[in-house]
Amino acid sequence: MTYDVGGESGWHEHPGIVIAVVKSGAVDRKLGCKRAERFTAGQAFTEVGPHFVSNPGDVPAVLEITAIFPTDMTAEFRRDLAKPKCRSRS
């Protein structure tokens, strides 16, 4: 999967577990209302539950994706979600 410069996944989730390895570039992954984590080439992360991935860099980010899910899965592999409502910190 490639995220172009400024590209993003939108809020979504998958059944099971997704393992992502950053082959080149960098991505930020956000889980709910938590602060985003940055992953760069050579690093890996998992996607479980609602998340948002974006490319903050100035080069495309290339990820290698492995999905682990039930063989009897009948739902779509990706389910789009609304952005979480987070309380602002004052």
Protein backbone atom coordinates (compact mmCIF):
# COMPACT_ATOMS: atom_id res chain seq x y z
CA MET A 1 0.00 0.00 0.00
CA THR A 2 1.30 3.47 -0.86
CA TYR A 3 0.28 6.73 0.83
CA ASP A 4 1.10 9.69 -1.38
CA VAL A 5 2.45 12.87 0.22
CA GLY A 6 -0.36 14.24 2.41
CA GLY A 7 -2.40 11.07 1.82
CA GLU A 8 -4.53 9.51 4.52
CA SER A 9 -6.64 6.43 5.20
CA GLY A 10 -9.61 8.09 6.87
CA TRP A 11 -10.90 6.62 10.14
CA HIS A 12 -11.54 2.90 9.69
CA GLU A 13 -11.12 -0.55 11.22
CA HIS A 14 -10.60 -4.12 10.03
CA PRO A 15 -11.75 -7.47 11.36
CA GLY A 16 -8.89 -9.41 12.94
CA ILE A 17 -5.39 -7.92 12.97
CA VAL A 18 -3.41 -6.02 10.35
CA ILE A 19 0.39 -5.92 10.54
CA ALA A 20 2.01 -3.04 8.66
CA VAL A 21 5.73 -2.72 7.87
CA VAL A 22 6.97 0.65 6.62
CA LYS A 23 9.18 -0.08 3.61
CA SER A 24 9.98 3.58 2.82
CA GLY A 25 8.88 7.02 3.93
CA ALA A 26 6.94 7.56 7.17
CA VAL A 27 3.37 7.43 8.43
CA ASP A 28 1.56 8.71 11.48
CA ARG A 29 -0.96 6.33 13.07
CA LYS A 30 -3.64 7.67 15.37
CA LEU A 31 -5.78 5.50 17.67
CA GLY A 32 -8.93 7.20 18.92
CA CYS A 33 -8.17 10.43 20.77
CA LYS A 34 -4.57 9.49 21.58
CA ARG A 35 -1.61 11.40 20.18
CA ALA A 36 -0.37 10.09 16.81
CA GLU A 37 2.68 7.81 16.68
CA ARG A 38 5.17 8.12 13.80
CA PHE A 39 6.58 5.02 12.11
CA THR A 40 9.49 5.20 9.67
CA ALA A 41 11.21 2.81 7.23
CA GLY A 42 12.01 -0.50 8.91
CA GLN A 43 9.43 -0.14 11.67
CA ALA A 44 6.23 -2.16 12.03
CA PHE A 45 2.91 -1.64 13.81
CA THR A 46 -0.41 -3.41 14.24
CA GLU A 47 -3.87 -2.15 13.45
CA VAL A 48 -6.54 -3.39 15.84
CA GLY A 49 -9.69 -1.36 16.36
CA PRO A 50 -10.42 2.13 14.99
CA HIS A 51 -7.40 3.96 13.54
CA PHE A 52 -6.26 6.64 11.10
CA VAL A 53 -3.03 6.59 9.07
CA SER A 54 -1.51 9.56 7.25
CA ASN A 55 1.69 10.51 5.44
CA PRO A 56 3.15 13.70 6.97
CA GLY A 57 6.34 13.53 4.90
CA ASP A 58 7.53 14.89 1.58
CA VAL A 59 7.94 11.50 -0.14
CA PRO A 60 5.42 8.68 -0.68
CA ALA A 61 5.17 6.18 2.18
CA VAL A 62 5.14 2.52 1.15
CA LEU A 63 3.75 -0.09 3.55
CA GLU A 64 3.70 -3.86 3.29
CA ILE A 65 0.45 -5.15 4.80
CA THR A 66 -0.37 -8.58 6.25
CA ALA A 67 -3.93 -9.25 7.41
CA ILE A 68 -4.97 -12.00 9.82
CA PHE A 69 -8.71 -12.58 9.99
CA PRO A 70 -11.24 -15.41 10.47
CA THR A 71 -11.72 -17.69 7.47
CA ASP A 72 -15.50 -17.48 7.85
CA MET A 73 -15.45 -13.68 7.77
CA THR A 74 -18.50 -12.33 5.97
CA ALA A 75 -18.03 -8.61 6.69
CA GLU A 76 -16.04 -6.25 4.51
CA PHE A 77 -12.28 -6.20 5.12
CA ARG A 78 -12.40 -2.46 5.81
CA ARG A 79 -15.16 -0.58 7.57
CA ASP A 80 -15.14 3.22 7.33
CA LEU A 81 -15.89 5.10 10.55
CA ALA A 82 -16.71 8.63 11.67
CA LYS A 83 -13.95 10.68 13.26
CA PRO A 84 -13.98 10.15 17.06
CA LYS A 85 -15.34 12.97 19.17
CA CYS A 86 -12.54 13.99 21.51
CA ARG A 87 -12.71 16.42 24.35
CA SER A 88 -10.42 19.38 23.90
CA ARG A 89 -7.87 20.05 26.61
CA SER A 90 -7.95 23.55 28.00
